[in-house]
N, C-alpha and C. Protein backbone atom coordinates (compact mmCIF):
# COMPACT_ATOMS: atom_id res chain seq x y z
N UNK A 1 -34.65 -9.03 -45.90
CA UNK A 1 -35.62 -8.79 -45.05
C UNK A 1 -36.83 -8.79 -44.84
N UNK A 2 -37.53 -8.51 -46.21
CA UNK A 2 -39.41 -9.00 -46.08
C UNK A 2 -39.79 -10.35 -46.28
N UNK A 3 -38.83 -11.07 -46.39
CA UNK A 3 -38.95 -12.67 -46.13
C UNK A 3 -38.80 -13.07 -44.90
N UNK A 4 -37.64 -12.09 -43.99
CA UNK A 4 -37.36 -12.82 -42.77
C UNK A 4 -38.55 -11.95 -41.68
N UNK A 5 -38.89 -11.04 -41.87
CA UNK A 5 -40.19 -10.19 -41.04
C UNK A 5 -41.46 -10.26 -42.07
N UNK A 6 -42.01 -10.62 -42.75
CA UNK A 6 -42.84 -11.07 -43.41
C UNK A 6 -43.69 -9.53 -43.47
N UNK A 7 -42.94 -8.94 -43.95
CA UNK A 7 -43.33 -7.23 -44.52
C UNK A 7 -43.84 -6.93 -45.66
N UNK A 8 -44.34 -6.18 -46.31
CA UNK A 8 -44.47 -5.37 -47.24
C UNK A 8 -43.00 -4.57 -47.26
N UNK A 9 -42.74 -4.48 -48.20
CA UNK A 9 -41.47 -3.32 -48.57
C UNK A 9 -41.58 -2.77 -50.00
N UNK A 10 -41.51 -1.58 -50.57
CA UNK A 10 -41.09 -0.88 -51.77
C UNK A 10 -39.45 -0.96 -51.76
N UNK A 11 -39.43 -1.32 -52.76
CA UNK A 11 -37.81 -1.08 -53.59
C UNK A 11 -37.53 -0.50 -54.56
N UNK A 12 -36.68 0.34 -54.67
CA UNK A 12 -35.97 0.82 -56.17
C UNK A 12 -35.11 -0.16 -56.70
N UNK A 13 -34.46 -0.54 -57.32
CA UNK A 13 -33.12 -1.90 -58.32
C UNK A 13 -33.10 -1.17 -59.44
N UNK A 14 -31.40 -0.89 -59.31
CA UNK A 14 -30.59 -0.18 -60.68
C UNK A 14 -31.05 -1.23 -61.76
N UNK A 15 -30.85 -0.15 -62.95
CA UNK A 15 -31.39 -1.53 -64.51
C UNK A 15 -30.15 -1.83 -65.28
N UNK A 16 -30.22 -2.69 -66.05
CA UNK A 16 -28.93 -2.59 -66.87
C UNK A 16 -28.72 -1.57 -67.78
N UNK A 17 -27.60 -1.13 -68.48
CA UNK A 17 -27.10 -0.34 -69.26
C UNK A 17 -28.26 -0.43 -70.39
N UNK A 18 -28.40 -2.10 -71.04
CA UNK A 18 -28.92 -2.31 -71.94
C UNK A 18 -30.07 -1.69 -72.11
N UNK A 19 -30.84 -1.69 -70.69
CA UNK A 19 -32.66 -2.09 -70.82
C UNK A 19 -32.83 -0.08 -70.55
N UNK A 20 -31.99 0.45 -70.87
CA UNK A 20 -32.11 1.89 -70.59
C UNK A 20 -31.89 2.77 -72.31
N UNK A 21 -31.92 1.72 -73.22
CA UNK A 21 -32.24 2.59 -74.51
C UNK A 21 -33.65 2.91 -74.83
N UNK A 22 -33.78 3.69 -75.35
CA UNK A 22 -35.48 4.36 -75.47
C UNK A 22 -35.69 3.82 -76.74
N UNK A 23 -37.19 3.46 -75.42
CA UNK A 23 -38.56 2.86 -76.09
C UNK A 23 -38.06 1.56 -75.59
N UNK A 24 -37.51 1.00 -74.65
CA UNK A 24 -37.27 -0.50 -73.86
C UNK A 24 -37.86 -0.25 -72.33
N UNK A 25 -38.86 -1.05 -72.51
CA UNK A 25 -39.97 -1.11 -70.65
C UNK A 25 -38.90 -2.05 -69.88
N UNK A 26 -38.61 -1.48 -68.71
CA UNK A 26 -38.47 -2.28 -67.70
C UNK A 26 -38.96 -3.33 -66.84
N UNK A 27 -37.95 -4.07 -66.79
CA UNK A 27 -38.97 -5.54 -66.71
C UNK A 27 -37.94 -6.14 -65.80
N UNK A 28 -38.68 -7.26 -65.27
CA UNK A 28 -37.64 -7.76 -64.21
C UNK A 28 -36.30 -8.55 -64.17
N UNK A 29 -36.34 -9.06 -65.65
CA UNK A 29 -35.49 -9.45 -65.85
C UNK A 29 -34.12 -8.12 -66.32
N UNK A 30 -34.37 -7.47 -66.35
CA UNK A 30 -33.48 -5.79 -66.79
C UNK A 30 -32.75 -5.54 -65.01
N UNK A 31 -33.06 -6.00 -63.98
CA UNK A 31 -32.40 -5.33 -62.94
C UNK A 31 -31.12 -6.33 -63.24
N UNK A 32 -30.43 -5.13 -62.50
CA UNK A 32 -28.79 -5.38 -62.47
C UNK A 32 -28.44 -6.06 -61.25
N UNK A 33 -27.34 -6.62 -61.36
CA UNK A 33 -26.36 -7.23 -60.49
C UNK A 33 -27.53 -8.80 -60.18
N UNK A 34 -27.98 -8.87 -59.24
CA UNK A 34 -28.58 -10.38 -58.75
C UNK A 34 -29.91 -10.34 -59.25
N UNK A 35 -29.97 -11.64 -59.59
CA UNK A 35 -31.30 -11.94 -60.08
C UNK A 35 -32.36 -12.30 -58.86
N UNK A 36 -31.62 -12.34 -57.63
CA UNK A 36 -32.30 -12.74 -56.42
C UNK A 36 -33.54 -12.09 -56.09
N UNK A 37 -33.07 -10.70 -56.34
CA UNK A 37 -33.92 -9.31 -56.52
C UNK A 37 -35.26 -10.08 -57.05
N UNK A 38 -35.28 -10.17 -58.01
CA UNK A 38 -36.30 -10.24 -58.99
C UNK A 38 -37.11 -11.65 -58.82
N UNK A 39 -36.03 -12.83 -58.58
CA UNK A 39 -37.03 -13.99 -57.98
C UNK A 39 -37.68 -13.82 -56.56
N UNK A 40 -37.10 -13.33 -55.85
CA UNK A 40 -38.09 -13.36 -54.34
C UNK A 40 -38.96 -12.36 -54.63
N UNK A 41 -39.40 -11.16 -54.91
CA UNK A 41 -39.91 -10.26 -55.23
C UNK A 41 -41.43 -10.68 -54.87
N UNK A 42 -42.39 -10.73 -54.78
CA UNK A 42 -43.89 -11.17 -55.14
C UNK A 42 -44.32 -10.21 -56.40
N UNK A 43 -43.97 -8.65 -56.23
CA UNK A 43 -44.51 -8.43 -57.64
C UNK A 43 -43.22 -7.30 -57.84
N UNK A 44 -43.24 -6.93 -59.67
CA UNK A 44 -42.82 -6.41 -59.95
C UNK A 44 -43.20 -5.77 -60.79
N UNK A 45 -42.83 -4.20 -60.74
CA UNK A 45 -43.45 -3.05 -61.31
C UNK A 45 -42.20 -2.29 -61.63
N UNK A 46 -42.37 -1.85 -63.03
CA UNK A 46 -41.35 -1.13 -63.92
C UNK A 46 -41.98 0.31 -64.54
N UNK A 47 -41.26 1.19 -64.41
CA UNK A 47 -42.34 2.78 -64.60
C UNK A 47 -41.33 3.07 -66.23
N UNK A 48 -42.29 3.36 -67.04
CA UNK A 48 -41.78 4.13 -68.09
C UNK A 48 -42.35 5.44 -68.37
N UNK A 49 -41.42 6.47 -68.84
CA UNK A 49 -41.97 7.68 -69.25
C UNK A 49 -41.48 8.10 -70.58
N UNK A 50 -42.39 7.78 -71.29
CA UNK A 50 -42.18 8.17 -72.91
C UNK A 50 -41.88 9.11 -73.42
N UNK A 51 -41.84 10.40 -72.08
CA UNK A 51 -41.77 11.91 -72.68
C UNK A 51 -40.24 12.20 -71.66
N UNK A 52 -39.96 11.52 -70.90
CA UNK A 52 -38.48 11.85 -70.42
C UNK A 52 -37.56 10.92 -71.45
N UNK A 53 -38.32 9.91 -71.86
CA UNK A 53 -37.23 9.03 -72.94
C UNK A 53 -37.25 9.24 -74.20
N UNK A 54 -38.05 10.06 -74.61
CA UNK A 54 -37.83 10.46 -76.29
C UNK A 54 -38.13 11.96 -76.54
N UNK A 55 -38.33 12.91 -75.19
CA UNK A 55 -39.05 14.14 -75.74
C UNK A 55 -39.92 14.29 -76.37
N UNK A 56 -39.63 15.44 -77.56
CA UNK A 56 -40.71 16.05 -78.30
C UNK A 56 -41.59 15.20 -79.31
N UNK A 57 -40.81 13.55 -79.54
CA UNK A 57 -41.02 12.84 -80.42
C UNK A 57 -42.11 12.02 -79.23
N UNK A 58 -42.14 11.72 -77.91
CA UNK A 58 -43.11 11.01 -77.40
C UNK A 58 -44.68 10.67 -77.77
N UNK A 59 -45.11 9.79 -77.57
CA UNK A 59 -46.24 9.82 -78.08
C UNK A 59 -47.58 9.38 -77.02
N UNK A 60 -46.47 8.89 -75.73
CA UNK A 60 -47.76 8.44 -74.26
C UNK A 60 -47.59 10.04 -73.38
N UNK A 61 -48.27 11.04 -74.30
CA UNK A 61 -48.69 12.18 -73.19
C UNK A 61 -49.88 12.45 -72.76
N UNK A 62 -50.12 13.64 -72.02
CA UNK A 62 -51.51 14.18 -72.16
C UNK A 62 -51.22 15.60 -71.91
N UNK A 63 -52.50 16.36 -72.14
CA UNK A 63 -52.04 17.68 -72.55
C UNK A 63 -53.03 18.47 -71.34
N UNK A 64 -52.57 19.16 -70.28
CA UNK A 64 -52.70 19.65 -69.11
C UNK A 64 -53.80 21.37 -69.92
N UNK A 65 -54.94 21.16 -69.49
CA UNK A 65 -55.61 22.55 -69.66
C UNK A 65 -55.28 23.41 -69.34
N UNK A 66 -54.97 23.43 -67.89
CA UNK A 66 -54.48 24.60 -66.58
C UNK A 66 -53.62 25.18 -66.96
N UNK A 67 -52.85 24.80 -67.66
CA UNK A 67 -51.06 25.23 -67.88
C UNK A 67 -51.27 25.49 -69.41
N UNK A 68 -51.05 26.76 -69.57
CA UNK A 68 -50.73 26.85 -71.55
C UNK A 68 -49.31 27.10 -71.15
N UNK A 69 -48.63 26.80 -72.67
CA UNK A 69 -46.88 27.51 -72.69
C UNK A 69 -47.38 27.94 -74.10
N UNK A 70 -46.17 28.38 -74.96
CA UNK A 70 -46.22 29.65 -75.75
C UNK A 70 -45.47 28.15 -76.75
N UNK A 71 -45.91 27.92 -77.99
CA UNK A 71 -45.34 26.92 -79.17
C UNK A 71 -45.48 27.47 -80.13
N UNK A 72 -45.18 27.11 -81.13
CA UNK A 72 -45.12 27.31 -82.38
C UNK A 72 -46.08 26.45 -83.68
N UNK A 73 -47.14 27.05 -84.02
CA UNK A 73 -48.00 25.96 -85.12
C UNK A 73 -47.12 25.45 -86.46
N UNK A 74 -47.65 24.61 -86.67
CA UNK A 74 -46.78 23.91 -87.96
C UNK A 74 -46.36 25.05 -88.60
N UNK A 75 -47.20 26.06 -89.10
CA UNK A 75 -47.07 27.15 -90.12
C UNK A 75 -45.70 28.34 -89.70
N UNK A 76 -45.53 28.40 -88.70
CA UNK A 76 -44.45 28.52 -87.55
C UNK A 76 -44.86 29.90 -86.63
N UNK A 77 -46.13 29.85 -86.69
CA UNK A 77 -46.65 31.42 -85.79
C UNK A 77 -46.85 30.76 -84.40
N UNK A 78 -46.67 32.01 -83.61
CA UNK A 78 -46.69 31.63 -82.35
C UNK A 78 -48.34 31.53 -81.63
N UNK A 79 -48.27 30.58 -80.83
CA UNK A 79 -49.68 29.98 -80.16
C UNK A 79 -49.75 29.67 -78.90
N UNK A 80 -50.55 29.76 -77.86
CA UNK A 80 -50.62 28.70 -76.89
C UNK A 80 -51.24 27.58 -76.86
N UNK A 81 -50.48 26.63 -76.42
CA UNK A 81 -51.14 25.70 -76.55
C UNK A 81 -51.32 24.75 -75.06
N UNK A 82 -51.78 23.81 -74.71
CA UNK A 82 -51.84 23.08 -73.25
C UNK A 82 -50.26 22.13 -73.30
N UNK A 83 -50.22 22.18 -71.84
CA UNK A 83 -48.26 21.99 -71.79
C UNK A 83 -48.78 20.23 -71.72
N UNK A 84 -47.55 19.47 -72.43
CA UNK A 84 -47.72 18.33 -72.49
C UNK A 84 -47.08 17.74 -71.66
N UNK A 85 -47.78 17.03 -70.96
CA UNK A 85 -47.29 16.02 -69.44
C UNK A 85 -46.85 14.90 -69.45
N UNK A 86 -46.16 14.15 -68.74
CA UNK A 86 -46.13 12.56 -69.34
C UNK A 86 -47.16 11.49 -68.58
N UNK A 87 -47.20 10.39 -69.41
CA UNK A 87 -48.35 9.63 -69.14
C UNK A 87 -47.30 8.34 -68.66
N UNK A 88 -47.46 7.88 -67.25
CA UNK A 88 -46.46 6.79 -66.92
C UNK A 88 -47.02 5.56 -67.14
N UNK A 89 -46.28 4.81 -67.99
CA UNK A 89 -46.69 3.34 -68.45
C UNK A 89 -45.90 2.42 -66.99
N UNK A 90 -47.25 2.14 -66.36
CA UNK A 90 -46.34 0.65 -65.16
C UNK A 90 -46.34 -0.50 -65.87
N UNK A 91 -45.41 -1.14 -65.46
CA UNK A 91 -45.57 -2.60 -66.10
C UNK A 91 -45.07 -3.30 -65.21
N UNK A 92 -46.19 -4.06 -65.03
CA UNK A 92 -46.63 -5.42 -64.31
C UNK A 92 -45.93 -6.42 -64.97
N UNK A 93 -44.90 -6.78 -64.88
CA UNK A 93 -44.18 -8.43 -65.32
C UNK A 93 -43.94 -9.38 -64.49
N UNK A 94 -44.41 -9.05 -63.33
CA UNK A 94 -44.44 -10.63 -62.33
C UNK A 94 -45.53 -9.64 -61.08
N UNK A 95 -46.15 -11.02 -60.50
CA UNK A 95 -47.28 -10.39 -59.88
C UNK A 95 -47.83 -12.06 -59.17
N UNK A 96 -47.19 -11.96 -58.34
CA UNK A 96 -47.48 -13.15 -57.42
C UNK A 96 -48.94 -12.96 -56.41
N UNK A 97 -49.11 -11.66 -56.10
CA UNK A 97 -50.24 -11.56 -55.60
C UNK A 97 -51.92 -11.40 -55.91
N UNK A 98 -52.05 -10.78 -57.46
CA UNK A 98 -53.14 -10.99 -58.03
C UNK A 98 -52.68 -11.79 -58.90
N UNK A 99 -53.94 -12.12 -59.88
CA UNK A 99 -53.32 -12.68 -61.72
C UNK A 99 -53.33 -11.26 -62.27
N UNK A 100 -53.28 -10.55 -62.01
CA UNK A 100 -52.96 -9.14 -63.23
C UNK A 100 -51.68 -9.44 -63.95
N UNK A 101 -51.44 -9.56 -64.69
CA UNK A 101 -50.14 -8.85 -65.74
C UNK A 101 -50.18 -8.41 -66.65
N UNK A 102 -49.58 -7.42 -66.75
CA UNK A 102 -49.42 -5.96 -68.04
C UNK A 102 -49.65 -4.93 -67.81
N UNK A 103 -49.92 -3.50 -68.45
CA UNK A 103 -49.26 -2.00 -68.18
C UNK A 103 -50.39 -1.46 -67.43
N UNK A 104 -50.73 -0.50 -66.73
CA UNK A 104 -51.53 -0.23 -66.44
C UNK A 104 -51.46 1.74 -66.71
N UNK A 105 -51.25 3.01 -67.28
CA UNK A 105 -51.31 4.53 -67.23
C UNK A 105 -51.94 5.04 -66.28
N UNK A 106 -51.10 5.96 -65.99
CA UNK A 106 -51.42 6.76 -65.41
C UNK A 106 -50.74 8.67 -65.64
N UNK A 107 -51.62 9.60 -65.76
CA UNK A 107 -51.64 10.79 -65.78
C UNK A 107 -50.87 11.43 -64.90
N UNK A 108 -49.44 11.91 -65.03
CA UNK A 108 -48.72 12.65 -63.92
C UNK A 108 -47.94 13.92 -64.05
N UNK A 109 -48.57 14.84 -63.30
CA UNK A 109 -48.42 15.74 -63.01
C UNK A 109 -47.30 16.08 -62.23
N UNK A 110 -45.91 16.31 -62.70
CA UNK A 110 -45.03 16.93 -62.19
C UNK A 110 -44.82 18.24 -61.40
N UNK A 111 -45.89 18.76 -61.53
CA UNK A 111 -45.82 20.12 -60.40
C UNK A 111 -46.62 19.46 -59.04
N UNK A 112 -47.71 18.85 -58.99
CA UNK A 112 -47.95 18.50 -57.85
C UNK A 112 -47.89 16.96 -57.16
N UNK A 113 -47.02 16.38 -58.16
CA UNK A 113 -46.83 15.13 -57.89
C UNK A 113 -47.68 14.05 -57.62
N UNK A 114 -48.92 14.49 -59.07
CA UNK A 114 -50.03 13.64 -58.24
C UNK A 114 -50.33 12.75 -59.84
N UNK A 115 -50.81 11.34 -59.21
CA UNK A 115 -50.98 10.40 -60.39
C UNK A 115 -52.31 9.95 -60.43
N UNK A 116 -52.91 10.08 -61.73
CA UNK A 116 -54.25 9.71 -62.03
C UNK A 116 -54.21 8.74 -62.54
N UNK A 117 -55.08 7.41 -62.62
CA UNK A 117 -55.29 6.12 -63.16
C UNK A 117 -56.05 6.72 -64.72
N UNK A 118 -55.67 6.59 -65.32
CA UNK A 118 -56.01 7.05 -67.13
C UNK A 118 -57.44 5.81 -67.21
N UNK A 119 -58.38 6.67 -67.45
CA UNK A 119 -59.85 6.11 -67.71
C UNK A 119 -59.53 4.50 -68.83
N UNK A 120 -60.86 3.51 -68.88
CA UNK A 120 -60.50 2.31 -69.57
C UNK A 120 -60.40 2.84 -71.04
N UNK A 121 -61.19 4.27 -71.76
CA UNK A 121 -60.84 4.16 -72.91
C UNK A 121 -59.37 4.71 -73.19
N UNK A 122 -58.89 5.09 -72.73
CA UNK A 122 -57.68 6.02 -72.38
C UNK A 122 -56.93 4.92 -72.22
N UNK A 123 -56.82 4.16 -70.97
CA UNK A 123 -55.98 2.80 -71.34
C UNK A 123 -55.91 2.14 -72.48
N UNK A 124 -56.80 1.67 -73.24
CA UNK A 124 -56.91 1.29 -74.44
C UNK A 124 -56.14 1.85 -75.76
N UNK A 125 -56.33 3.21 -75.72
CA UNK A 125 -56.28 4.09 -76.53
C UNK A 125 -53.93 4.25 -76.24
N UNK A 126 -53.41 4.51 -74.81
CA UNK A 126 -52.30 4.39 -74.72
C UNK A 126 -51.59 2.86 -74.93
N UNK A 127 -52.30 1.72 -75.18
CA UNK A 127 -52.00 0.68 -75.37
C UNK A 127 -51.49 0.11 -76.69
N UNK A 128 -52.60 0.67 -77.20
CA UNK A 128 -52.48 0.67 -78.66
C UNK A 128 -51.09 1.81 -78.96
N UNK A 129 -50.68 2.88 -78.71
CA UNK A 129 -50.10 3.75 -79.34
C UNK A 129 -48.54 3.30 -78.46
N UNK A 130 -48.74 2.42 -77.46
CA UNK A 130 -47.37 1.41 -76.51
C UNK A 130 -46.78 0.65 -77.80
N UNK A 131 -47.84 -0.04 -78.41
CA UNK A 131 -47.80 -1.39 -79.18
C UNK A 131 -47.21 -0.88 -80.28
N UNK A 132 -47.58 0.18 -80.90
CA UNK A 132 -47.10 1.10 -82.30
C UNK A 132 -45.82 1.11 -82.18
N UNK A 133 -45.07 2.29 -80.87
CA UNK A 133 -44.14 2.54 -80.74
C UNK A 133 -42.89 1.21 -80.36
N UNK A 134 -43.63 0.43 -79.54
CA UNK A 134 -42.90 -0.91 -79.78
C UNK A 134 -42.37 -1.44 -81.07
N UNK A 135 -43.47 -1.39 -81.78
CA UNK A 135 -43.27 -1.97 -83.31
C UNK A 135 -42.35 -1.55 -83.90
N UNK A 136 -41.96 0.11 -83.69
CA UNK A 136 -41.40 0.53 -84.79
C UNK A 136 -39.96 0.88 -83.88
N UNK A 137 -39.62 0.91 -82.65
CA UNK A 137 -38.51 0.68 -82.19
C UNK A 137 -37.78 -1.01 -82.94
N UNK A 138 -38.70 -1.76 -82.49
CA UNK A 138 -38.02 -2.96 -82.92
C UNK A 138 -37.96 -3.47 -84.19
N UNK A 139 -38.82 -2.43 -85.16
CA UNK A 139 -38.47 -2.29 -86.89
C UNK A 139 -37.34 -1.67 -87.22
N UNK A 140 -37.05 -0.59 -85.93
CA UNK A 140 -35.69 0.15 -86.38
C UNK A 140 -34.21 -0.38 -86.08
N UNK A 141 -34.41 -1.26 -84.99
CA UNK A 141 -33.36 -2.25 -84.56
C UNK A 141 -32.96 -3.06 -85.41
N UNK A 142 -33.92 -4.02 -85.88
CA UNK A 142 -33.91 -4.95 -86.97
C UNK A 142 -32.91 -4.02 -88.37
N UNK A 143 -33.31 -2.96 -88.75
CA UNK A 143 -33.06 -2.52 -89.35
C UNK A 143 -31.31 -1.70 -89.46
N UNK A 144 -30.79 -1.84 -87.99
CA UNK A 144 -29.83 -1.58 -88.09
C UNK A 144 -28.87 -2.75 -87.96
N UNK A 145 -29.62 -3.41 -88.07
CA UNK A 145 -28.55 -4.81 -87.36
C UNK A 145 -28.95 -5.93 -88.91
N UNK A 146 -29.77 -5.60 -89.81
CA UNK A 146 -29.41 -6.31 -91.31
C UNK A 146 -28.48 -6.15 -91.71
N UNK A 147 -27.36 -7.15 -92.41
CA UNK A 147 -26.95 -6.52 -93.64
C UNK A 147 -27.55 -6.13 -94.67
N UNK A 148 -26.79 -5.66 -95.43
CA UNK A 148 -27.04 -4.88 -96.59
C UNK A 148 -26.59 -5.35 -97.70
N UNK A 149 -26.71 -5.69 -98.79
CA UNK A 149 -25.74 -5.18 -99.70
C UNK A 149 -24.24 -4.66 -100.24
N UNK A 150 -24.49 -3.16 -99.85
CA UNK A 150 -23.87 -2.54 -99.37
C UNK A 150 -22.49 -2.92 -98.55
N UNK A 151 -23.33 -3.35 -97.17
CA UNK A 151 -22.51 -3.65 -95.82
C UNK A 151 -22.81 -4.41 -95.63
N UNK A 152 -22.33 -5.68 -95.58
CA UNK A 152 -22.13 -7.18 -95.55
C UNK A 152 -21.98 -7.60 -94.23
N UNK A 153 -22.21 -8.57 -93.27
CA UNK A 153 -21.85 -8.76 -92.36
C UNK A 153 -20.59 -9.12 -92.25
N UNK A 154 -19.78 -9.01 -91.06
CA UNK A 154 -18.31 -9.25 -90.94
C UNK A 154 -18.58 -10.92 -91.52
N UNK A 155 -19.56 -11.54 -90.50
CA UNK A 155 -19.32 -12.80 -90.63
C UNK A 155 -19.57 -12.98 -91.92
N UNK A 156 -20.52 -12.55 -92.99
CA UNK A 156 -20.64 -12.58 -94.63
C UNK A 156 -19.24 -12.10 -95.35
N UNK A 157 -18.31 -11.14 -94.38
CA UNK A 157 -17.49 -10.76 -95.58
C UNK A 157 -16.30 -11.64 -95.48
N UNK A 158 -16.24 -12.35 -93.81
CA UNK A 158 -15.20 -13.39 -94.03
C UNK A 158 -14.97 -14.80 -94.46
N UNK A 159 -16.50 -15.58 -95.11
CA UNK A 159 -16.94 -16.46 -95.57
C UNK A 159 -16.61 -15.88 -96.96
N UNK A 160 -16.78 -14.78 -97.55
CA UNK A 160 -17.00 -14.53 -99.10
C UNK A 160 -15.39 -14.50 -98.85
N UNK A 161 -14.92 -14.22 -98.06
CA UNK A 161 -12.71 -13.58 -98.18
C UNK A 161 -12.24 -15.14 -98.49
N UNK A 162 -12.68 -15.88 -97.72
CA UNK A 162 -12.16 -18.03 -97.87
C UNK A 162 -12.60 -18.10 -98.74
N UNK A 163 -13.93 -18.05 -99.46
CA UNK A 163 -14.42 -18.75 -100.44
C UNK A 163 -13.38 -18.47 -102.10
N UNK A 164 -13.27 -16.94 -101.63
CA UNK A 164 -12.37 -16.59 -102.77
C UNK A 164 -10.78 -16.90 -103.14
N UNK A 165 -10.59 -17.47 -102.04
CA UNK A 165 -8.70 -17.86 -102.01
C UNK A 165 -8.64 -18.73 -103.08
N UNK A 166 -7.50 -18.68 -103.73
CA UNK A 166 -7.60 -19.58 -105.03
C UNK A 166 -7.35 -21.30 -104.13
N UNK A 167 -7.96 -22.33 -104.46
CA UNK A 167 -7.97 -23.30 -103.89
C UNK A 167 -8.73 -23.52 -102.97
N UNK A 168 -9.97 -22.90 -102.53
CA UNK A 168 -11.04 -23.34 -102.22
C UNK A 168 -11.75 -24.38 -102.04
N UNK A 169 -11.53 -25.53 -101.74
CA UNK A 169 -12.77 -26.55 -101.71
C UNK A 169 -13.33 -26.26 -100.24
N UNK A 170 -14.76 -26.55 -100.70
CA UNK A 170 -15.95 -26.53 -99.41
C UNK A 170 -15.41 -27.79 -98.55
N UNK A 171 -15.55 -27.99 -97.82
CA UNK A 171 -15.97 -29.10 -96.91
C UNK A 171 -16.76 -29.44 -96.15
N UNK A 172 -17.60 -30.51 -96.81
CA UNK A 172 -19.32 -30.55 -96.42
C UNK A 172 -19.46 -31.30 -94.80
N UNK A 173 -18.32 -31.87 -94.79
CA UNK A 173 -18.45 -31.97 -93.00
C UNK A 173 -18.39 -30.91 -92.01
N UNK A 174 -17.91 -30.20 -92.66
CA UNK A 174 -17.84 -28.52 -91.71
C UNK A 174 -19.00 -28.24 -90.92
N UNK A 175 -19.24 -28.21 -89.64
CA UNK A 175 -20.39 -28.02 -89.17
C UNK A 175 -20.13 -26.13 -88.88
N UNK A 176 -21.20 -25.71 -89.11
CA UNK A 176 -21.29 -23.93 -89.47
C UNK A 176 -22.42 -23.62 -87.95
N UNK A 177 -21.63 -22.63 -87.09
CA UNK A 177 -22.17 -22.00 -86.35
C UNK A 177 -23.67 -21.55 -86.48
N UNK A 178 -24.55 -21.67 -85.87
CA UNK A 178 -26.11 -21.47 -86.02
C UNK A 178 -26.12 -20.14 -85.71
N UNK A 179 -27.08 -18.76 -86.72
CA UNK A 179 -26.93 -17.75 -85.97
C UNK A 179 -28.38 -17.19 -85.48
N UNK A 180 -28.77 -16.33 -84.82
CA UNK A 180 -29.86 -16.19 -84.85
C UNK A 180 -30.28 -15.20 -85.48
N UNK A 181 -31.44 -15.08 -86.02
CA UNK A 181 -31.93 -14.09 -86.75
C UNK A 181 -31.82 -12.56 -86.67
N UNK A 182 -31.69 -11.60 -87.25
CA UNK A 182 -31.86 -10.27 -86.46
C UNK A 182 -33.03 -10.04 -85.53
N UNK A 183 -34.04 -10.41 -86.35
CA UNK A 183 -35.22 -10.13 -85.72
C UNK A 183 -35.39 -10.87 -83.94
N UNK A 184 -34.79 -11.83 -84.17
CA UNK A 184 -34.35 -12.47 -82.82
C UNK A 184 -33.87 -11.74 -81.94
N UNK A 185 -32.27 -11.50 -82.78
CA UNK A 185 -31.70 -10.44 -81.57
C UNK A 185 -32.16 -9.97 -81.03
N UNK A 186 -32.56 -8.49 -82.11
CA UNK A 186 -33.58 -7.25 -81.38
C UNK A 186 -34.17 -7.85 -80.51
N UNK A 187 -35.62 -8.83 -80.18
CA UNK A 187 -36.38 -8.98 -79.28
C UNK A 187 -35.70 -9.75 -78.01
N UNK A 188 -34.63 -10.35 -78.48
CA UNK A 188 -33.91 -10.71 -76.93
C UNK A 188 -33.57 -9.90 -76.22
N UNK A 189 -32.57 -8.57 -77.22
CA UNK A 189 -32.03 -7.60 -76.45
C UNK A 189 -33.71 -6.93 -76.11
N UNK A 190 -34.51 -6.72 -76.14
CA UNK A 190 -35.77 -6.02 -75.47
C UNK A 190 -36.44 -6.77 -74.25
N UNK A 191 -35.71 -7.89 -74.25
CA UNK A 191 -36.17 -9.24 -73.22
C UNK A 191 -37.38 -10.38 -73.83
N UNK A 192 -37.89 -10.37 -74.59
CA UNK A 192 -38.72 -10.92 -75.13
C UNK A 192 -38.14 -12.37 -75.94
N UNK A 193 -38.06 -13.39 -75.43
CA UNK A 193 -37.11 -14.30 -75.96
C UNK A 193 -37.82 -15.71 -76.75
N UNK A 194 -39.22 -15.50 -76.39
CA UNK A 194 -40.25 -16.44 -77.33
C UNK A 194 -41.49 -15.65 -77.54
N UNK A 195 -41.95 -15.26 -79.03
CA UNK A 195 -43.24 -14.93 -79.01
C UNK A 195 -44.14 -16.21 -79.62
N UNK A 196 -45.36 -16.08 -78.81
CA UNK A 196 -46.33 -16.43 -78.73
C UNK A 196 -47.43 -15.85 -79.92
N UNK A 197 -48.47 -17.01 -80.01
CA UNK A 197 -49.56 -15.97 -81.02
C UNK A 197 -50.84 -16.77 -80.72
C-alpha cells in the first residue's frame, strides 16, 4: 500500500521465535514470514528493552529521581531508591532515507509514555554497555555450544564409536562435512553472518 500510494507508513512486524531470546536485538532479518516486508521498507527500526528482557539484571536503565521505591541495600536493610526505568535501544539496521545506521537510546517513562533521547555522553555510555552485554551473551552461547571433554558433541561421539570398532580402517578419500565453529554458529543465530575488522 505504501508503494502504491507513495505514503509514509509505520507498521509493526512479528519476529521469529529465535530472535526473542534474551539479549538479541530485533533486526530486519528477524521478521517472521516473508522477507518482502524487510526488502520493501525504506527504514527498519527494531526496539529493544533490556529491563523487560532481563529484569533485575538489566544494564540499560535510568533512575527516575521523581519516583522512589522501597528496596533492600546490599546489607539487607530497607532503603528508598529511585525507580529503575527502561532505556529503549532503537536499532536502525536498514535506512534508505538517511545515511545513519546504528543505535539510538531513549529514556522511557512508562507512566507518561514519554521518550527522551539520551544526551551524547549517555548515548556513548549505553552503547558501551550494550556492546558488553552482547559480548557476554555471545560468550555464554558459545560456552553452551562448545563440546567439553566430559560432554563431547554428538558428531565426536559418533566418530569415536566408529573408530573404536574392530577392523576399522580410515578411508583417506572419504570427504568430511565441514562444520562451522561454535562461535560462527552463535553469531549466525544472533544475525551476524560476517565479522569485519
